[in-house]
Protein backbone atom coordinates (compact mmCIF):
# COMPACT_ATOMS: atom_id res chain seq x y z
CA UNK A 1 -1.60 24.57 35.10
CA UNK A 2 -1.94 27.60 32.79
CA UNK A 3 0.17 27.93 29.68
CA UNK A 4 0.51 30.54 27.53
CA UNK A 5 0.82 29.92 23.60
CA UNK A 6 1.78 32.75 21.05
CA UNK A 7 0.61 31.68 17.53
CA UNK A 8 1.90 34.38 15.36
CA UNK A 9 1.96 35.27 11.46
CA UNK A 10 5.35 36.28 10.04
CA UNK A 11 7.94 35.47 7.10
CA UNK A 12 4.70 34.42 5.44
CA UNK A 13 3.71 31.69 7.53
CA UNK A 14 1.69 30.31 11.16
CA UNK A 15 4.23 30.15 14.02
CA UNK A 16 3.40 28.27 17.58
CA UNK A 17 5.70 29.55 20.38
CA UNK A 18 4.89 27.32 23.50
CA UNK A 19 7.12 26.66 26.88
CA UNK A 20 8.68 23.46 26.99
CA UNK A 21 10.78 21.61 29.57
CA UNK A 22 11.95 24.40 32.24
CA UNK A 23 9.75 27.21 30.43
CA UNK A 24 12.00 27.39 27.98
CA UNK A 25 10.11 28.90 24.86
CA UNK A 26 10.31 27.21 21.44
CA UNK A 27 9.11 28.50 18.00
CA UNK A 28 7.73 25.69 15.45
CA UNK A 29 6.35 26.62 11.74
CA UNK A 30 2.39 25.55 11.70
CA UNK A 31 1.24 23.77 9.02
CA UNK A 32 -2.49 23.59 7.96
CA UNK A 33 -4.27 19.77 7.27
CA UNK A 34 -7.68 20.28 6.66
CA UNK A 35 -10.22 23.23 6.59
CA UNK A 36 -14.05 23.60 7.05
CA UNK A 37 -16.36 25.92 8.46
CA UNK A 38 -16.23 24.74 11.80
CA UNK A 39 -12.62 24.27 12.58
CA UNK A 40 -8.81 24.25 10.94
CA UNK A 41 -6.13 22.29 11.69
CA UNK A 42 -2.53 23.07 11.75
CA UNK A 43 0.29 20.54 12.72
CA UNK A 44 3.41 21.51 13.96
CA UNK A 45 6.96 21.29 11.60
CA UNK A 46 9.02 19.87 14.06
CA UNK A 47 7.14 17.79 16.92
CA UNK A 48 3.87 16.13 16.94
CA UNK A 49 1.51 18.65 18.26
CA UNK A 50 -1.37 20.05 16.78
CA UNK A 51 -3.85 23.30 17.09
CA UNK A 52 -7.46 22.70 16.03
CA UNK A 53 -8.92 26.34 15.74
CA UNK A 54 -12.72 26.29 16.17
CA UNK A 55 -15.23 28.95 14.79
CA UNK A 56 -18.53 29.77 15.81
CA UNK A 57 -21.66 29.82 13.64
CA UNK A 58 -21.08 33.35 12.49
CA UNK A 59 -17.35 32.69 11.61
CA UNK A 60 -15.59 34.27 14.46
CA UNK A 61 -12.61 32.14 16.22
CA UNK A 62 -14.60 30.54 19.53
CA UNK A 63 -11.28 28.50 20.78
CA UNK A 64 -8.24 26.75 19.75
CA UNK A 65 -7.74 22.97 21.21
CA UNK A 66 -3.94 22.36 21.70
CA UNK A 67 -2.31 18.65 21.95
CA UNK A 68 0.65 18.57 23.12
CA UNK A 69 3.86 16.18 22.27
CA UNK A 70 2.60 13.52 24.51
CA UNK A 71 -1.24 13.60 23.94
CA UNK A 72 -2.55 16.15 26.51
CA UNK A 73 -5.14 18.10 25.23
CA UNK A 74 -6.10 21.70 26.29
CA UNK A 75 -8.63 23.91 25.17
CA UNK A 76 -7.41 27.81 25.03
CA UNK A 77 -9.12 31.17 24.82
CA UNK A 78 -8.01 34.69 23.10
CA UNK A 79 -6.77 36.47 26.51
CA UNK A 80 -4.91 39.44 23.94
CA UNK A 81 -4.52 40.72 20.71
């Protein structure tokens, strides 16, 4: 199943917009929890979901690993700006 996530910067914070039950989109604030040269991890504020941003050796974004509230993991790639 393909899903579309939106990670955006607004109101001085990072936010995740994700479709939930019946395709209704919800927006959650992301709380940074760790960072090193290879990855940055954030958790959502209201429900237990996680985003891990993986970086290449040159420092660019490689992909994002999304873990939803039931523990299902997905690897995501950027498709738009």
